[in-house]
Amino acid sequence: MARDKGLEALVNDVLEGRHGFTQKAMFGGWAWPSNGNIVYAARTDGMLLRLGKDNDAWALEIDGIGPMISRGKPMNGWVRASPQVYANDVMRHKLLRAALDFVQTLPPKF
């Protein structure tokens, strides 16, 4: 997968001024860990968001959002939003906020 610079800019706008975030190549695209815990990833085929185990049901009911699949298995608590979903400013911010809220409950990995 190739990086999606436009989506990366949208995510960076939301994270502007927040501390504890880094960026790195991951998941075939670009990822944003917070204190060592992955929050988001951007790829040309969609945005990956970590909503937390058993916190993703509401998002999976939305057309254009499905479970993140890794090595042929769905990853509980992770979703993939299609470009049509994250193009909607309200929906994108809701998803980004939900992922950020969840990851902030996790202990730092370092």
C-alpha atoms as a PDB file:
ATOM      1  CA  MET A   1       0.000   0.000   0.000  1.00  0.00           C
ATOM      2  CA  ALA A   2       1.096   3.521  -0.640  1.00  0.00           C
ATOM      3  CA  ARG A   3       0.886   6.437   1.719  1.00  0.00           C
ATOM      4  CA  ASP A   4      -2.010   8.867   1.438  1.00  0.00           C
ATOM      5  CA  LYS A   5      -0.488  12.310   2.048  1.00  0.00           C
ATOM      6  CA  GLY A   6      -3.916  13.989   2.000  1.00  0.00           C
ATOM      7  CA  LEU A   7      -5.273  11.729   4.734  1.00  0.00           C
ATOM      8  CA  GLU A   8      -2.051  12.143   6.704  1.00  0.00           C
ATOM      9  CA  ALA A   9      -2.544  15.923   6.620  1.00  0.00           C
ATOM     10  CA  LEU A  10      -6.128  15.560   7.880  1.00  0.00           C
ATOM     11  CA  VAL A  11      -4.960  13.431  10.818  1.00  0.00           C
ATOM     12  CA  ASN A  12      -2.075  15.784  11.579  1.00  0.00           C
ATOM     13  CA  ASP A  13      -4.520  18.708  11.714  1.00  0.00           C
ATOM     14  CA  VAL A  14      -6.472  16.935  14.474  1.00  0.00           C
ATOM     15  CA  LEU A  15      -3.300  16.122  16.411  1.00  0.00           C
ATOM     16  CA  GLU A  16      -1.766  19.590  16.135  1.00  0.00           C
ATOM     17  CA  GLY A  17      -0.551  20.737  19.529  1.00  0.00           C
ATOM     18  CA  ARG A  18      -1.011  17.349  21.219  1.00  0.00           C
ATOM     19  CA  HIS A  19       1.979  15.838  22.983  1.00  0.00           C
ATOM     20  CA  GLY A  20       3.148  12.241  23.063  1.00  0.00           C
ATOM     21  CA  PHE A  21       2.535  11.424  19.399  1.00  0.00           C
ATOM     22  CA  THR A  22       5.096  10.162  16.938  1.00  0.00           C
ATOM     23  CA  GLN A  23       4.755   9.097  13.318  1.00  0.00           C
ATOM     24  CA  LYS A  24       6.217   6.128  11.522  1.00  0.00           C
ATOM     25  CA  ALA A  25       5.819   3.796   8.580  1.00  0.00           C
ATOM     26  CA  MET A  26       3.567   0.905   9.581  1.00  0.00           C
ATOM     27  CA  PHE A  27       0.656  -1.205   8.270  1.00  0.00           C
ATOM     28  CA  GLY A  28       1.754  -0.448   4.724  1.00  0.00           C
ATOM     29  CA  GLY A  29       1.125   3.249   5.278  1.00  0.00           C
ATOM     30  CA  TRP A  30       1.735   5.851   7.971  1.00  0.00           C
ATOM     31  CA  ALA A  31       0.867   5.364  11.669  1.00  0.00           C
ATOM     32  CA  TRP A  32       0.520   7.568  14.751  1.00  0.00           C
ATOM     33  CA  PRO A  33       1.504   5.987  18.063  1.00  0.00           C
ATOM     34  CA  SER A  34       0.805   7.789  21.330  1.00  0.00           C
ATOM     35  CA  ASN A  35       3.182   6.779  24.113  1.00  0.00           C
ATOM     36  CA  GLY A  36       3.902   3.592  22.178  1.00  0.00           C
ATOM     37  CA  ASN A  37       0.241   2.646  21.506  1.00  0.00           C
ATOM     38  CA  ILE A  38      -0.947   2.870  17.884  1.00  0.00           C
ATOM     39  CA  VAL A  39      -3.973   5.140  17.532  1.00  0.00           C
ATOM     40  CA  TYR A  40      -4.394   5.634  13.772  1.00  0.00           C
ATOM     41  CA  ALA A  41      -2.912   4.571  10.467  1.00  0.00           C
ATOM     42  CA  ALA A  42      -3.432   6.076   7.018  1.00  0.00           C
ATOM     43  CA  ARG A  43      -3.184   4.148   3.759  1.00  0.00           C
ATOM     44  CA  THR A  44      -4.433   4.734   0.251  1.00  0.00           C
ATOM     45  CA  ASP A  45      -7.207   2.183   0.837  1.00  0.00           C
ATOM     46  CA  GLY A  46      -8.492   3.655   4.085  1.00  0.00           C
ATOM     47  CA  MET A  47      -7.921   4.874   7.583  1.00  0.00           C
ATOM     48  CA  LEU A  48      -7.290   2.408  10.411  1.00  0.00           C
ATOM     49  CA  LEU A  49      -8.519   3.380  13.866  1.00  0.00           C
ATOM     50  CA  ARG A  50      -8.056   1.712  17.216  1.00  0.00           C
ATOM     51  CA  LEU A  51     -11.388   1.992  19.025  1.00  0.00           C
ATOM     52  CA  GLY A  52     -10.745  -0.723  21.603  1.00  0.00           C
ATOM     53  CA  LYS A  53     -11.992  -4.227  22.183  1.00  0.00           C
ATOM     54  CA  ASP A  54     -15.787  -4.267  22.298  1.00  0.00           C
ATOM     55  CA  ASN A  55     -15.904  -0.493  21.600  1.00  0.00           C
ATOM     56  CA  ASP A  56     -16.160  -0.794  17.827  1.00  0.00           C
ATOM     57  CA  ALA A  57     -19.750  -2.049  17.303  1.00  0.00           C
ATOM     58  CA  TRP A  58     -21.177   1.445  16.716  1.00  0.00           C
ATOM     59  CA  ALA A  59     -18.608   2.168  14.013  1.00  0.00           C
ATOM     60  CA  LEU A  60     -19.078  -1.183  12.285  1.00  0.00           C
ATOM     61  CA  GLU A  61     -22.759  -0.306  11.739  1.00  0.00           C
ATOM     62  CA  ILE A  62     -21.736   2.581   9.453  1.00  0.00           C
ATOM     63  CA  ASP A  63     -21.588   1.922   5.705  1.00  0.00           C
ATOM     64  CA  GLY A  64     -17.974   2.088   4.568  1.00  0.00           C
ATOM     65  CA  ILE A  65     -16.504   0.924   7.884  1.00  0.00           C
ATOM     66  CA  GLY A  66     -15.390  -2.645   8.419  1.00  0.00           C
ATOM     67  CA  PRO A  67     -13.106  -4.560  10.717  1.00  0.00           C
ATOM     68  CA  MET A  68      -9.381  -4.264  10.195  1.00  0.00           C
ATOM     69  CA  ILE A  69      -8.117  -7.548   8.763  1.00  0.00           C
ATOM     70  CA  SER A  70      -4.569  -8.648   9.510  1.00  0.00           C
ATOM     71  CA  ARG A  71      -3.196 -11.886   8.106  1.00  0.00           C
ATOM     72  CA  GLY A  72      -6.715 -12.949   7.192  1.00  0.00           C
ATOM     73  CA  LYS A  73      -8.184 -12.384  10.663  1.00  0.00           C
ATOM     74  CA  PRO A  74     -10.278  -9.494  11.955  1.00  0.00           C
ATOM     75  CA  MET A  75      -8.610  -7.494  14.711  1.00  0.00           C
ATOM     76  CA  ASN A  76     -11.116  -6.890  17.492  1.00  0.00           C
ATOM     77  CA  GLY A  77     -11.231  -3.220  18.417  1.00  0.00           C
ATOM     78  CA  TRP A  78      -9.756  -1.962  15.148  1.00  0.00           C
ATOM     79  CA  VAL A  79     -11.744  -0.660  12.171  1.00  0.00           C
ATOM     80  CA  ARG A  80     -10.974   0.444   8.625  1.00  0.00           C
ATOM     81  CA  ALA A  81     -12.836   3.484   7.322  1.00  0.00           C
ATOM     82  CA  SER A  82     -13.134   3.894   3.566  1.00  0.00           C
ATOM     83  CA  PRO A  83     -12.215   7.166   1.848  1.00  0.00           C
ATOM     84  CA  GLN A  84     -15.937   7.941   1.476  1.00  0.00           C
ATOM     85  CA  VAL A  85     -16.321   7.799   5.275  1.00  0.00           C
ATOM     86  CA  TYR A  86     -13.291   9.839   6.287  1.00  0.00           C
ATOM     87  CA  ALA A  87     -14.041  12.429   3.596  1.00  0.00           C
ATOM     88  CA  ASN A  88     -16.993  13.448   5.794  1.00  0.00           C
ATOM     89  CA  ASP A  89     -15.508  15.950   8.259  1.00  0.00           C
ATOM     90  CA  VAL A  90     -17.986  15.169  11.050  1.00  0.00           C
ATOM     91  CA  MET A  91     -17.550  11.407  10.763  1.00  0.00           C
ATOM     92  CA  ARG A  92     -13.763  11.642  10.482  1.00  0.00           C
ATOM     93  CA  HIS A  93     -13.539  13.769  13.623  1.00  0.00           C
ATOM     94  CA  LYS A  94     -15.902  11.442  15.504  1.00  0.00           C
ATOM     95  CA  LEU A  95     -13.770   8.413  14.619  1.00  0.00           C
ATOM     96  CA  LEU A  96     -10.483  10.161  15.359  1.00  0.00           C
ATOM     97  CA  ARG A  97     -11.805  11.401  18.718  1.00  0.00           C
ATOM     98  CA  ALA A  98     -13.101   7.929  19.674  1.00  0.00           C
ATOM     99  CA  ALA A  99      -9.728   6.337  18.887  1.00  0.00           C
ATOM    100  CA  LEU A 100      -7.848   9.019  20.771  1.00  0.00           C
ATOM    101  CA  ASP A 101     -10.160   8.693  23.800  1.00  0.00           C
ATOM    102  CA  PHE A 102      -9.633   4.929  23.900  1.00  0.00           C
ATOM    103  CA  VAL A 103      -5.855   4.968  23.529  1.00  0.00           C
ATOM    104  CA  GLN A 104      -5.532   7.571  26.265  1.00  0.00           C
ATOM    105  CA  THR A 105      -6.902   4.928  28.677  1.00  0.00           C
ATOM    106  CA  LEU A 106      -3.966   2.596  27.928  1.00  0.00           C
ATOM    107  CA  PRO A 107      -0.749   2.617  29.914  1.00  0.00           C
ATOM    108  CA  PRO A 108       2.341   3.861  28.051  1.00  0.00           C
ATOM    109  CA  LYS A 109       4.407   1.119  26.421  1.00  0.00           C
ATOM    110  CA  PHE A 110       7.695   2.760  27.267  1.00  0.00           C
END
